[in-house]
C-alpha atoms as a PDB file:
ATOM      1  CA  MET A   1    -147.986 117.713 152.402  1.00  0.00           C
ATOM      2  CA  GLU A   2    -147.885 121.350 152.974  1.00  0.00           C
ATOM      3  CA  ILE A   3    -145.681 124.369 151.400  1.00  0.00           C
ATOM      4  CA  VAL A   4    -142.988 125.764 153.807  1.00  0.00           C
ATOM      5  CA  LYS A   5    -140.508 129.135 154.126  1.00  0.00           C
ATOM      6  CA  LEU A   6    -137.173 128.485 154.362  1.00  0.00           C
ATOM      7  CA  LYS A   7    -134.794 130.534 156.605  1.00  0.00           C
ATOM      8  CA  SER A   8    -131.513 131.356 155.054  1.00  0.00           C
ATOM      9  CA  ALA A   9    -127.941 130.087 156.287  1.00  0.00           C
ATOM     10  CA  LEU A  10    -126.108 133.337 156.374  1.00  0.00           C
ATOM     11  CA  MET A  11    -122.457 133.412 155.597  1.00  0.00           C
ATOM     12  CA  GLY A  12    -120.530 136.386 157.467  1.00  0.00           C
ATOM     13  CA  LEU A  13    -117.116 135.297 158.809  1.00  0.00           C
ATOM     14  CA  PRO A  14    -114.955 134.288 157.120  1.00  0.00           C
ATOM     15  CA  TYR A  15    -116.739 135.797 153.932  1.00  0.00           C
ATOM     16  CA  TRP A  16    -117.514 139.203 155.327  1.00  0.00           C
ATOM     17  CA  PRO A  17    -114.471 141.156 153.416  1.00  0.00           C
ATOM     18  CA  LEU A  18    -116.087 139.930 150.382  1.00  0.00           C
ATOM     19  CA  GLY A  19    -119.647 140.854 150.728  1.00  0.00           C
ATOM     20  CA  GLY A  20    -121.964 143.914 150.503  1.00  0.00           C
ATOM     21  CA  THR A  21    -124.950 145.080 152.152  1.00  0.00           C
ATOM     22  CA  LYS A  22    -127.614 144.575 149.917  1.00  0.00           C
ATOM     23  CA  LEU A  23    -128.571 141.298 151.389  1.00  0.00           C
ATOM     24  CA  LYS A  24    -129.198 143.166 154.961  1.00  0.00           C
ATOM     25  CA  ASP A  25    -130.594 146.575 153.396  1.00  0.00           C
ATOM     26  CA  GLU A  26    -132.859 145.610 150.473  1.00  0.00           C
ATOM     27  CA  PHE A  27    -133.436 141.315 151.171  1.00  0.00           C
ATOM     28  CA  HIS A  28    -133.941 141.473 154.812  1.00  0.00           C
ATOM     29  CA  LYS A  29    -131.092 139.210 155.888  1.00  0.00           C
ATOM     30  CA  GLU A  30    -130.066 139.611 159.666  1.00  0.00           C
ATOM     31  CA  LEU A  31    -126.621 138.963 160.762  1.00  0.00           C
ATOM     32  CA  ASP A  32    -124.206 140.457 163.145  1.00  0.00           C
ATOM     33  CA  SER A  33    -121.279 141.043 160.758  1.00  0.00           C
ATOM     34  CA  GLU A  34    -120.967 144.263 159.072  1.00  0.00           C
ATOM     35  CA  THR A  35    -121.682 142.739 155.536  1.00  0.00           C
ATOM     36  CA  ILE A  36    -123.256 139.362 154.313  1.00  0.00           C
ATOM     37  CA  ALA A  37    -121.481 137.765 151.002  1.00  0.00           C
ATOM     38  CA  GLN A  38    -123.680 134.862 150.684  1.00  0.00           C
ATOM     39  CA  SER A  39    -126.977 133.678 151.829  1.00  0.00           C
ATOM     40  CA  TRP A  40    -127.752 130.003 151.202  1.00  0.00           C
ATOM     41  CA  GLU A  41    -131.208 129.852 150.270  1.00  0.00           C
ATOM     42  CA  LEU A  42    -132.013 126.337 149.936  1.00  0.00           C
ATOM     43  CA  SER A  43    -129.271 124.351 151.659  1.00  0.00           C
ATOM     44  CA  ALA A  44    -128.770 120.862 153.241  1.00  0.00           C
ATOM     45  CA  HIS A  45    -125.143 120.950 153.205  1.00  0.00           C
ATOM     46  CA  GLU A  46    -123.081 120.591 156.529  1.00  0.00           C
ATOM     47  CA  PHE A  47    -121.323 123.826 156.134  1.00  0.00           C
ATOM     48  CA  GLY A  48    -124.634 125.940 156.368  1.00  0.00           C
ATOM     49  CA  GLU A  49    -128.187 124.428 156.366  1.00  0.00           C
ATOM     50  CA  SER A  50    -131.301 126.593 155.690  1.00  0.00           C
ATOM     51  CA  THR A  51    -134.416 125.675 158.325  1.00  0.00           C
ATOM     52  CA  ILE A  52    -138.264 125.838 158.178  1.00  0.00           C
ATOM     53  CA  ASP A  53    -139.699 128.912 158.886  1.00  0.00           C
ATOM     54  CA  SER A  54    -143.301 128.160 159.048  1.00  0.00           C
ATOM     55  CA  GLY A  55    -145.621 125.745 159.916  1.00  0.00           C
ATOM     56  CA  PRO A  56    -145.411 122.752 162.561  1.00  0.00           C
ATOM     57  CA  ASP A  57    -142.002 121.681 161.645  1.00  0.00           C
ATOM     58  CA  LYS A  58    -140.464 125.230 162.269  1.00  0.00           C
ATOM     59  CA  GLY A  59    -137.079 125.258 163.576  1.00  0.00           C
ATOM     60  CA  LEU A  60    -136.131 121.850 161.804  1.00  0.00           C
ATOM     61  CA  SER A  61    -132.837 121.995 159.301  1.00  0.00           C
ATOM     62  CA  LEU A  62    -133.963 121.427 155.846  1.00  0.00           C
ATOM     63  CA  GLY A  63    -131.793 118.107 156.282  1.00  0.00           C
ATOM     64  CA  ASP A  64    -133.971 116.658 159.302  1.00  0.00           C
ATOM     65  CA  TYR A  65    -137.225 117.597 157.529  1.00  0.00           C
ATOM     66  CA  VAL A  66    -136.451 115.536 154.291  1.00  0.00           C
ATOM     67  CA  LYS A  67    -135.625 112.776 157.090  1.00  0.00           C
ATOM     68  CA  LYS A  68    -138.840 113.637 158.920  1.00  0.00           C
ATOM     69  CA  HIS A  69    -141.117 113.359 155.773  1.00  0.00           C
ATOM     70  CA  GLY A  70    -139.106 111.044 153.536  1.00  0.00           C
ATOM     71  CA  LYS A  71    -137.464 111.159 150.172  1.00  0.00           C
ATOM     72  CA  ASP A  72    -140.844 110.973 148.299  1.00  0.00           C
ATOM     73  CA  ILE A  73    -141.262 114.760 149.033  1.00  0.00           C
ATOM     74  CA  LEU A  74    -138.162 115.536 147.045  1.00  0.00           C
ATOM     75  CA  GLY A  75    -139.511 113.797 144.037  1.00  0.00           C
ATOM     76  CA  THR A  76    -139.053 110.869 141.436  1.00  0.00           C
ATOM     77  CA  ALA A  77    -136.220 112.491 139.824  1.00  0.00           C
ATOM     78  CA  ALA A  78    -134.223 113.033 143.213  1.00  0.00           C
ATOM     79  CA  GLN A  79    -134.564 109.154 143.922  1.00  0.00           C
ATOM     80  CA  LYS A  80    -131.103 108.759 142.360  1.00  0.00           C
ATOM     81  CA  TYR A  81    -129.153 110.888 144.708  1.00  0.00           C
ATOM     82  CA  ASN A  82    -128.421 109.627 148.587  1.00  0.00           C
ATOM     83  CA  TYR A  83    -128.220 113.488 149.281  1.00  0.00           C
ATOM     84  CA  PHE A  84    -130.052 116.248 149.059  1.00  0.00           C
ATOM     85  CA  PRO A  85    -129.208 117.246 145.222  1.00  0.00           C
ATOM     86  CA  LEU A  86    -129.249 121.291 145.039  1.00  0.00           C
ATOM     87  CA  LEU A  87    -127.524 124.426 146.745  1.00  0.00           C
ATOM     88  CA  ILE A  88    -129.047 127.856 145.896  1.00  0.00           C
ATOM     89  CA  LYS A  89    -127.527 131.001 147.047  1.00  0.00           C
ATOM     90  CA  PHE A  90    -127.876 134.854 146.900  1.00  0.00           C
ATOM     91  CA  LEU A  91    -124.625 136.023 146.139  1.00  0.00           C
ATOM     92  CA  ASP A  92    -123.166 139.692 147.162  1.00  0.00           C
ATOM     93  CA  ASN A  93    -119.511 140.588 146.064  1.00  0.00           C
ATOM     94  CA  LYS A  94    -117.931 143.574 147.087  1.00  0.00           C
ATOM     95  CA  LYS A  95    -114.550 142.785 146.089  1.00  0.00           C
ATOM     96  CA  ASN A  96    -113.276 140.261 143.164  1.00  0.00           C
ATOM     97  CA  LEU A  97    -113.695 136.509 144.238  1.00  0.00           C
ATOM     98  CA  PHE A  98    -110.807 134.103 143.958  1.00  0.00           C
ATOM     99  CA  ILE A  99    -109.990 132.815 140.425  1.00  0.00           C
ATOM    100  CA  GLN A 100    -111.345 128.912 141.189  1.00  0.00           C
ATOM    101  CA  VAL A 101    -112.615 125.934 139.721  1.00  0.00           C
ATOM    102  CA  HIS A 102    -114.574 123.437 140.872  1.00  0.00           C
ATOM    103  CA  PRO A 103    -114.371 119.428 140.126  1.00  0.00           C
ATOM    104  CA  ASP A 104    -116.482 117.108 138.462  1.00  0.00           C
ATOM    105  CA  ASP A 105    -118.711 114.354 140.284  1.00  0.00           C
ATOM    106  CA  GLU A 106    -116.073 111.479 139.896  1.00  0.00           C
ATOM    107  CA  TYR A 107    -112.928 113.377 141.301  1.00  0.00           C
ATOM    108  CA  ALA A 108    -115.057 115.139 143.839  1.00  0.00           C
ATOM    109  CA  PHE A 109    -116.441 112.112 145.321  1.00  0.00           C
ATOM    110  CA  ARG A 110    -113.120 110.383 145.162  1.00  0.00           C
ATOM    111  CA  VAL A 111    -111.152 112.967 146.646  1.00  0.00           C
ATOM    112  CA  GLU A 112    -113.478 115.512 148.330  1.00  0.00           C
ATOM    113  CA  HIS A 113    -116.256 112.857 149.447  1.00  0.00           C
ATOM    114  CA  GLU A 114    -119.290 115.087 148.048  1.00  0.00           C
ATOM    115  CA  PRO A 115    -120.712 115.865 144.777  1.00  0.00           C
ATOM    116  CA  GLY A 116    -118.727 117.891 142.387  1.00  0.00           C
ATOM    117  CA  LYS A 117    -120.151 121.304 141.191  1.00  0.00           C
ATOM    118  CA  MET A 118    -121.738 122.526 138.181  1.00  0.00           C
ATOM    119  CA  GLU A 119    -123.355 125.853 138.819  1.00  0.00           C
ATOM    120  CA  MET A 120    -125.332 128.750 137.000  1.00  0.00           C
ATOM    121  CA  TYR A 121    -125.414 132.471 137.850  1.00  0.00           C
ATOM    122  CA  TYR A 122    -128.569 134.312 137.375  1.00  0.00           C
ATOM    123  CA  PHE A 123    -128.135 138.167 136.983  1.00  0.00           C
ATOM    124  CA  PHE A 124    -131.361 139.368 138.284  1.00  0.00           C
ATOM    125  CA  GLU A 125    -129.573 143.003 138.411  1.00  0.00           C
ATOM    126  CA  ALA A 126    -126.646 144.192 137.236  1.00  0.00           C
ATOM    127  CA  ASP A 127    -124.747 147.497 137.188  1.00  0.00           C
ATOM    128  CA  ASP A 128    -123.232 149.073 133.933  1.00  0.00           C
ATOM    129  CA  ASP A 129    -119.742 147.785 135.023  1.00  0.00           C
ATOM    130  CA  SER A 130    -120.788 144.260 136.153  1.00  0.00           C
ATOM    131  CA  TYR A 131    -118.555 141.475 134.992  1.00  0.00           C
ATOM    132  CA  ILE A 132    -117.475 138.208 135.214  1.00  0.00           C
ATOM    133  CA  TYR A 133    -114.186 135.977 134.414  1.00  0.00           C
ATOM    134  CA  VAL A 134    -115.283 132.713 132.930  1.00  0.00           C
ATOM    135  CA  GLY A 135    -113.493 129.794 131.023  1.00  0.00           C
ATOM    136  CA  PHE A 136    -110.281 130.212 128.850  1.00  0.00           C
ATOM    137  CA  ASN A 137    -110.397 132.560 125.819  1.00  0.00           C
ATOM    138  CA  LYS A 138    -107.907 130.129 123.850  1.00  0.00           C
ATOM    139  CA  ASP A 139    -107.068 126.706 124.039  1.00  0.00           C
ATOM    140  CA  THR A 140    -104.139 126.363 126.487  1.00  0.00           C
ATOM    141  CA  ASN A 141    -102.286 123.558 128.309  1.00  0.00           C
ATOM    142  CA  GLU A 142    -101.049 122.884 131.896  1.00  0.00           C
ATOM    143  CA  GLU A 143     -97.542 124.463 131.281  1.00  0.00           C
ATOM    144  CA  GLU A 144     -98.673 127.487 129.688  1.00  0.00           C
ATOM    145  CA  PHE A 145    -101.291 128.132 132.549  1.00  0.00           C
ATOM    146  CA  LEU A 146     -98.490 127.508 135.175  1.00  0.00           C
ATOM    147  CA  ASN A 147     -96.179 129.925 133.635  1.00  0.00           C
ATOM    148  CA  LYS A 148     -98.797 132.508 133.453  1.00  0.00           C
ATOM    149  CA  LEU A 149     -99.784 131.902 136.876  1.00  0.00           C
ATOM    150  CA  VAL A 150     -96.040 132.249 138.414  1.00  0.00           C
ATOM    151  CA  ALA A 151     -95.911 135.111 136.332  1.00  0.00           C
ATOM    152  CA  GLY A 152     -99.356 136.801 137.620  1.00  0.00           C
ATOM    153  CA  GLU A 153    -100.729 136.756 134.208  1.00  0.00           C
ATOM    154  CA  VAL A 154    -103.271 134.277 134.979  1.00  0.00           C
ATOM    155  CA  LEU A 155    -106.090 137.060 133.176  1.00  0.00           C
ATOM    156  CA  ASP A 156    -104.402 136.937 130.105  1.00  0.00           C
ATOM    157  CA  LEU A 157    -105.873 133.452 129.409  1.00  0.00           C
ATOM    158  CA  VAL A 158    -109.224 134.082 130.768  1.00  0.00           C
ATOM    159  CA  ASN A 159    -112.415 135.458 129.336  1.00  0.00           C
ATOM    160  CA  LYS A 160    -113.499 138.958 130.855  1.00  0.00           C
ATOM    161  CA  VAL A 161    -117.207 139.197 130.063  1.00  0.00           C
ATOM    162  CA  LYS A 162    -119.675 142.262 130.752  1.00  0.00           C
ATOM    163  CA  VAL A 163    -122.972 140.963 132.122  1.00  0.00           C
ATOM    164  CA  HIS A 164    -126.614 142.456 131.828  1.00  0.00           C
ATOM    165  CA  LYS A 165    -129.748 142.108 133.904  1.00  0.00           C
ATOM    166  CA  GLY A 166    -131.575 139.010 132.805  1.00  0.00           C
ATOM    167  CA  ASP A 167    -128.225 137.051 131.521  1.00  0.00           C
ATOM    168  CA  ALA A 168    -127.804 133.514 132.866  1.00  0.00           C
ATOM    169  CA  VAL A 169    -124.008 131.764 132.570  1.00  0.00           C
ATOM    170  CA  LEU A 170    -123.554 128.125 133.112  1.00  0.00           C
ATOM    171  CA  VAL A 171    -120.334 127.307 134.911  1.00  0.00           C
ATOM    172  CA  PRO A 172    -119.500 123.598 134.191  1.00  0.00           C
ATOM    173  CA  SER A 173    -117.253 121.776 136.625  1.00  0.00           C
ATOM    174  CA  GLY A 174    -113.597 122.233 135.439  1.00  0.00           C
ATOM    175  CA  THR A 175    -114.099 125.652 134.096  1.00  0.00           C
ATOM    176  CA  ILE A 176    -111.901 128.581 135.474  1.00  0.00           C
ATOM    177  CA  HIS A 177    -113.908 131.431 136.864  1.00  0.00           C
ATOM    178  CA  ALA A 178    -114.602 134.246 139.234  1.00  0.00           C
ATOM    179  CA  LEU A 179    -117.284 136.754 139.810  1.00  0.00           C
ATOM    180  CA  ALA A 180    -116.093 140.318 139.647  1.00  0.00           C
ATOM    181  CA  ALA A 181    -116.299 143.237 142.287  1.00  0.00           C
ATOM    182  CA  GLY A 182    -119.888 144.332 142.459  1.00  0.00           C
ATOM    183  CA  THR A 183    -122.057 141.718 140.992  1.00  0.00           C
ATOM    184  CA  PHE A 184    -125.198 140.633 142.774  1.00  0.00           C
ATOM    185  CA  CYS A 185    -126.796 137.366 141.566  1.00  0.00           C
ATOM    186  CA  ILE A 186    -128.339 134.002 142.330  1.00  0.00           C
ATOM    187  CA  GLU A 187    -126.163 130.877 142.013  1.00  0.00           C
ATOM    188  CA  ILE A 188    -127.994 127.500 141.482  1.00  0.00           C
ATOM    189  CA  GLN A 189    -125.375 124.791 141.958  1.00  0.00           C
ATOM    190  CA  GLN A 190    -124.904 120.921 142.842  1.00  0.00           C
ATOM    191  CA  ASN A 191    -125.150 120.497 146.763  1.00  0.00           C
ATOM    192  CA  SER A 192    -121.099 120.868 146.960  1.00  0.00           C
ATOM    193  CA  ASN A 193    -118.754 123.371 148.844  1.00  0.00           C
ATOM    194  CA  THR A 194    -115.933 121.991 146.945  1.00  0.00           C
ATOM    195  CA  THR A 195    -113.856 125.071 145.517  1.00  0.00           C
ATOM    196  CA  TYR A 196    -110.211 125.074 144.685  1.00  0.00           C
ATOM    197  CA  ASN A 197    -108.818 128.385 144.443  1.00  0.00           C
ATOM    198  CA  ILE A 198    -106.134 129.329 142.003  1.00  0.00           C
ATOM    199  CA  TRP A 199    -105.362 133.284 142.160  1.00  0.00           C
ATOM    200  CA  ASN A 200    -106.459 135.880 144.088  1.00  0.00           C
ATOM    201  CA  PHE A 201    -105.626 139.245 141.904  1.00  0.00           C
ATOM    202  CA  GLY A 202    -101.994 139.583 143.080  1.00  0.00           C
ATOM    203  CA  GLU A 203    -101.323 137.390 145.536  1.00  0.00           C
ATOM    204  CA  LYS A 204     -98.863 134.611 145.298  1.00  0.00           C
ATOM    205  CA  PRO A 205     -99.874 130.995 144.230  1.00  0.00           C
ATOM    206  CA  GLY A 206     -98.285 129.708 147.374  1.00  0.00           C
ATOM    207  CA  HIS A 207    -100.273 131.772 149.604  1.00  0.00           C
ATOM    208  CA  ARG A 208    -102.312 129.908 152.185  1.00  0.00           C
ATOM    209  CA  GLY A 209    -106.164 128.982 150.789  1.00  0.00           C
ATOM    210  CA  PHE A 210    -104.814 128.056 147.106  1.00  0.00           C
ATOM    211  CA  GLN A 211    -105.290 124.680 146.006  1.00  0.00           C
ATOM    212  CA  ILE A 212    -103.175 124.544 143.011  1.00  0.00           C
ATOM    213  CA  LYS A 213    -102.576 120.877 142.554  1.00  0.00           C
ATOM    214  CA  LYS A 214    -106.160 119.873 142.819  1.00  0.00           C
ATOM    215  CA  ALA A 215    -106.946 122.685 140.339  1.00  0.00           C
ATOM    216  CA  LEU A 216    -104.569 121.359 137.935  1.00  0.00           C
ATOM    217  CA  ASP A 217    -105.987 118.086 138.248  1.00  0.00           C
ATOM    218  CA  VAL A 218    -109.350 119.059 137.242  1.00  0.00           C
ATOM    219  CA  LEU A 219    -109.352 122.289 134.907  1.00  0.00           C
ATOM    220  CA  ASN A 220    -110.826 122.036 131.296  1.00  0.00           C
ATOM    221  CA  TYR A 221    -107.866 123.706 129.352  1.00  0.00           C
ATOM    222  CA  ASN A 222    -110.009 124.314 126.166  1.00  0.00           C
ATOM    223  CA  LYS A 223    -111.256 127.472 124.965  1.00  0.00           C
ATOM    224  CA  MET A 224    -114.881 128.519 126.024  1.00  0.00           C
ATOM    225  CA  THR A 225    -116.842 130.479 123.648  1.00  0.00           C
ATOM    226  CA  ASP A 226    -120.546 130.024 124.545  1.00  0.00           C
ATOM    227  CA  ILE A 227    -120.610 132.008 127.670  1.00  0.00           C
ATOM    228  CA  PHE A 228    -124.064 132.913 128.163  1.00  0.00           C
ATOM    229  CA  VAL A 229    -127.228 130.465 128.340  1.00  0.00           C
ATOM    230  CA  LYS A 230    -129.685 130.563 125.652  1.00  0.00           C
ATOM    231  CA  GLU A 231    -132.594 131.269 127.641  1.00  0.00           C
ATOM    232  CA  GLY A 232    -136.390 130.299 126.130  1.00  0.00           C
ATOM    233  CA  PRO A 233    -138.881 133.037 124.766  1.00  0.00           C
ATOM    234  CA  ILE A 234    -140.767 135.019 127.342  1.00  0.00           C
ATOM    235  CA  ILE A 235    -144.529 133.690 127.027  1.00  0.00           C
ATOM    236  CA  GLU A 236    -146.847 136.228 128.311  1.00  0.00           C
ATOM    237  CA  TYR A 237    -150.167 135.540 130.134  1.00  0.00           C
ATOM    238  CA  ALA A 238    -152.818 138.055 131.497  1.00  0.00           C
ATOM    239  CA  ASN A 239    -151.685 138.170 134.914  1.00  0.00           C
ATOM    240  CA  TYR A 240    -148.062 136.815 134.730  1.00  0.00           C
ATOM    241  CA  LYS A 241    -145.172 135.942 132.323  1.00  0.00           C
ATOM    242  CA  ILE A 242    -142.712 132.899 132.103  1.00  0.00           C
ATOM    243  CA  GLN A 243    -139.204 132.302 130.986  1.00  0.00           C
ATOM    244  CA  HIS A 244    -137.456 128.992 130.596  1.00  0.00           C
ATOM    245  CA  ILE A 245    -133.739 129.617 131.450  1.00  0.00           C
ATOM    246  CA  ILE A 246    -132.022 126.079 131.403  1.00  0.00           C
ATOM    247  CA  THR A 247    -132.193 122.402 131.751  1.00  0.00           C
ATOM    248  CA  THR A 248    -128.916 120.412 132.724  1.00  0.00           C
ATOM    249  CA  GLN A 249    -128.639 117.093 134.153  1.00  0.00           C
ATOM    250  CA  TYR A 250    -128.854 118.336 137.815  1.00  0.00           C
ATOM    251  CA  PHE A 251    -131.533 121.172 137.627  1.00  0.00           C
ATOM    252  CA  ALA A 252    -134.010 122.836 135.668  1.00  0.00           C
ATOM    253  CA  VAL A 253    -134.918 126.572 136.356  1.00  0.00           C
ATOM    254  CA  ASP A 254    -137.540 129.073 134.957  1.00  0.00           C
ATOM    255  CA  ARG A 255    -138.263 132.739 135.549  1.00  0.00           C
ATOM    256  CA  ILE A 256    -141.794 133.886 136.685  1.00  0.00           C
ATOM    257  CA  ASP A 257    -143.041 137.428 137.034  1.00  0.00           C
ATOM    258  CA  VAL A 258    -146.166 137.732 138.498  1.00  0.00           C
ATOM    259  CA  THR A 259    -148.282 140.994 138.541  1.00  0.00           C
ATOM    260  CA  LYS A 260    -151.565 139.817 140.303  1.00  0.00           C
ATOM    261  CA  SER A 261    -151.931 135.999 140.550  1.00  0.00           C
ATOM    262  CA  VAL A 262    -151.288 132.602 139.026  1.00  0.00           C
ATOM    263  CA  ILE A 263    -152.013 129.197 139.752  1.00  0.00           C
ATOM    264  CA  LEU A 264    -149.261 126.621 139.445  1.00  0.00           C
ATOM    265  CA  LYS A 265    -148.994 122.703 139.783  1.00  0.00           C
ATOM    266  CA  ALA A 266    -146.882 120.750 142.029  1.00  0.00           C
ATOM    267  CA  THR A 267    -145.827 117.274 140.369  1.00  0.00           C
ATOM    268  CA  LYS A 268    -144.537 114.137 141.806  1.00  0.00           C
ATOM    269  CA  GLU A 269    -141.424 114.707 139.443  1.00  0.00           C
ATOM    270  CA  SER A 270    -139.589 117.204 141.609  1.00  0.00           C
ATOM    271  CA  PHE A 271    -139.835 119.412 144.632  1.00  0.00           C
ATOM    272  CA  CYS A 272    -140.033 123.230 143.658  1.00  0.00           C
ATOM    273  CA  HIS A 273    -138.018 126.063 145.053  1.00  0.00           C
ATOM    274  CA  LEU A 274    -139.161 129.599 144.884  1.00  0.00           C
ATOM    275  CA  LEU A 275    -136.676 132.399 145.261  1.00  0.00           C
ATOM    276  CA  CYS A 276    -138.546 135.727 145.166  1.00  0.00           C
ATOM    277  CA  TYR A 277    -135.973 138.687 144.278  1.00  0.00           C
ATOM    278  CA  ASP A 278    -138.999 141.442 143.850  1.00  0.00           C
ATOM    279  CA  GLY A 279    -142.330 141.602 145.071  1.00  0.00           C
ATOM    280  CA  GLU A 280    -144.542 140.635 148.097  1.00  0.00           C
ATOM    281  CA  GLY A 281    -147.735 138.583 148.689  1.00  0.00           C
ATOM    282  CA  GLU A 282    -148.848 135.216 149.895  1.00  0.00           C
ATOM    283  CA  ILE A 283    -148.802 131.891 148.489  1.00  0.00           C
ATOM    284  CA  ILE A 284    -152.177 130.100 149.144  1.00  0.00           C
ATOM    285  CA  PHE A 285    -152.467 126.025 148.982  1.00  0.00           C
ATOM    286  CA  ASP A 286    -154.785 123.966 150.759  1.00  0.00           C
ATOM    287  CA  GLY A 287    -156.784 126.332 152.596  1.00  0.00           C
ATOM    288  CA  GLU A 288    -153.493 127.598 154.193  1.00  0.00           C
ATOM    289  CA  LYS A 289    -151.392 130.617 153.098  1.00  0.00           C
ATOM    290  CA  ILE A 290    -147.677 132.023 153.568  1.00  0.00           C
ATOM    291  CA  ASN A 291    -146.729 135.388 153.215  1.00  0.00           C
ATOM    292  CA  TYR A 292    -143.748 136.337 151.246  1.00  0.00           C
ATOM    293  CA  ARG A 293    -141.575 139.288 150.510  1.00  0.00           C
ATOM    294  CA  LYS A 294    -138.300 140.168 148.395  1.00  0.00           C
ATOM    295  CA  GLY A 295    -135.796 137.984 149.493  1.00  0.00           C
ATOM    296  CA  ASP A 296    -137.876 135.031 150.430  1.00  0.00           C
ATOM    297  CA  SER A 297    -137.126 131.350 150.035  1.00  0.00           C
ATOM    298  CA  ILE A 298    -140.056 128.795 149.519  1.00  0.00           C
ATOM    299  CA  PHE A 299    -139.939 125.063 149.519  1.00  0.00           C
ATOM    300  CA  ILE A 300    -142.905 123.030 147.592  1.00  0.00           C
ATOM    301  CA  PRO A 301    -142.700 119.265 148.257  1.00  0.00           C
ATOM    302  CA  ALA A 302    -143.031 117.051 145.172  1.00  0.00           C
ATOM    303  CA  ASP A 303    -146.736 115.899 145.074  1.00  0.00           C
ATOM    304  CA  SER A 304    -149.880 116.389 142.843  1.00  0.00           C
ATOM    305  CA  PHE A 305    -151.633 119.883 144.127  1.00  0.00           C
ATOM    306  CA  GLU A 306    -152.300 123.267 143.216  1.00  0.00           C
ATOM    307  CA  TYR A 307    -151.072 126.555 144.484  1.00  0.00           C
ATOM    308  CA  GLU A 308    -151.303 130.153 143.918  1.00  0.00           C
ATOM    309  CA  ILE A 309    -149.079 133.144 143.991  1.00  0.00           C
ATOM    310  CA  LYS A 310    -151.028 136.050 144.836  1.00  0.00           C
ATOM    311  CA  GLY A 311    -149.537 139.364 144.978  1.00  0.00           C
ATOM    312  CA  THR A 312    -146.408 140.496 142.721  1.00  0.00           C
ATOM    313  CA  PHE A 313    -143.579 138.199 142.402  1.00  0.00           C
ATOM    314  CA  SER A 314    -140.295 138.080 140.570  1.00  0.00           C
ATOM    315  CA  GLY A 315    -138.308 135.405 141.318  1.00  0.00           C
ATOM    316  CA  LEU A 316    -136.675 132.036 140.170  1.00  0.00           C
ATOM    317  CA  ILE A 317    -138.376 128.473 140.230  1.00  0.00           C
ATOM    318  CA  THR A 318    -135.851 125.504 140.353  1.00  0.00           C
ATOM    319  CA  LYS A 319    -136.501 121.724 140.144  1.00  0.00           C
ATOM    320  CA  ALA A 320    -134.333 118.740 140.819  1.00  0.00           C
ATOM    321  CA  GLN A 321    -133.232 116.820 137.748  1.00  0.00           C
END
């Protein structure tokens, strides 16, 4: 089985008012809209699928690619899912996103007929004033929350947290949250597009686009104190360094920085997704090679073989769990 490059599913309208220009200007994404808020780098979701961008299957959607080659290319860890398990994005936010919440699997499958959403944000770059809203800053309840919502004072109950380059924040289902204006990050999540919007920084809760009743069903009203992921130590080798970021029940993530070359091994346990946020070079496997640059997304099927990342590469390696 070969390694393939993926072409992003790009989100312009209706997201364009929220997006910036970095994905166009620095990450080589092309879309007719003025800005790009999201690029879905690994997606088999019906709302926006990435496509194969190299090799004999070029042009196939990721979902059709998996159907053609069989679920074995996803690895043994993914066999328990009857759907592609993950969705990975770049997010470029020019404006504050809605204060929102995502349901867990039980609620989402029952009500929305798709998985719930646990997600993680990785801030591979951050401005001095980058921050997010995440989790309640005290134990609360539905009554207090609704009173604050009606009064337009929701943020009184929510942690406002400054983020720095290299920070990772896990957002379990049920957690109130929002990315603030000016944040640029990678989001790794379950394969779901279900979001319940709660508040939009001043608009009334009854405004079209809010899903208050469903949000109330799934919110976790407990205080959230452990905001940042406790990342592993950075392990340095001659030509690269690697750091384990997190392992959850759905995904495992490592950060890797290559300065010249590294040989890695694919396994039968899970496919790998490489997302490059800086660098350029080529990936060499079985006598073949794929060129990559900043912003590129690579799918490595589950199997037993070695591949080489040659050049400079800073990015994330994600596997399904």
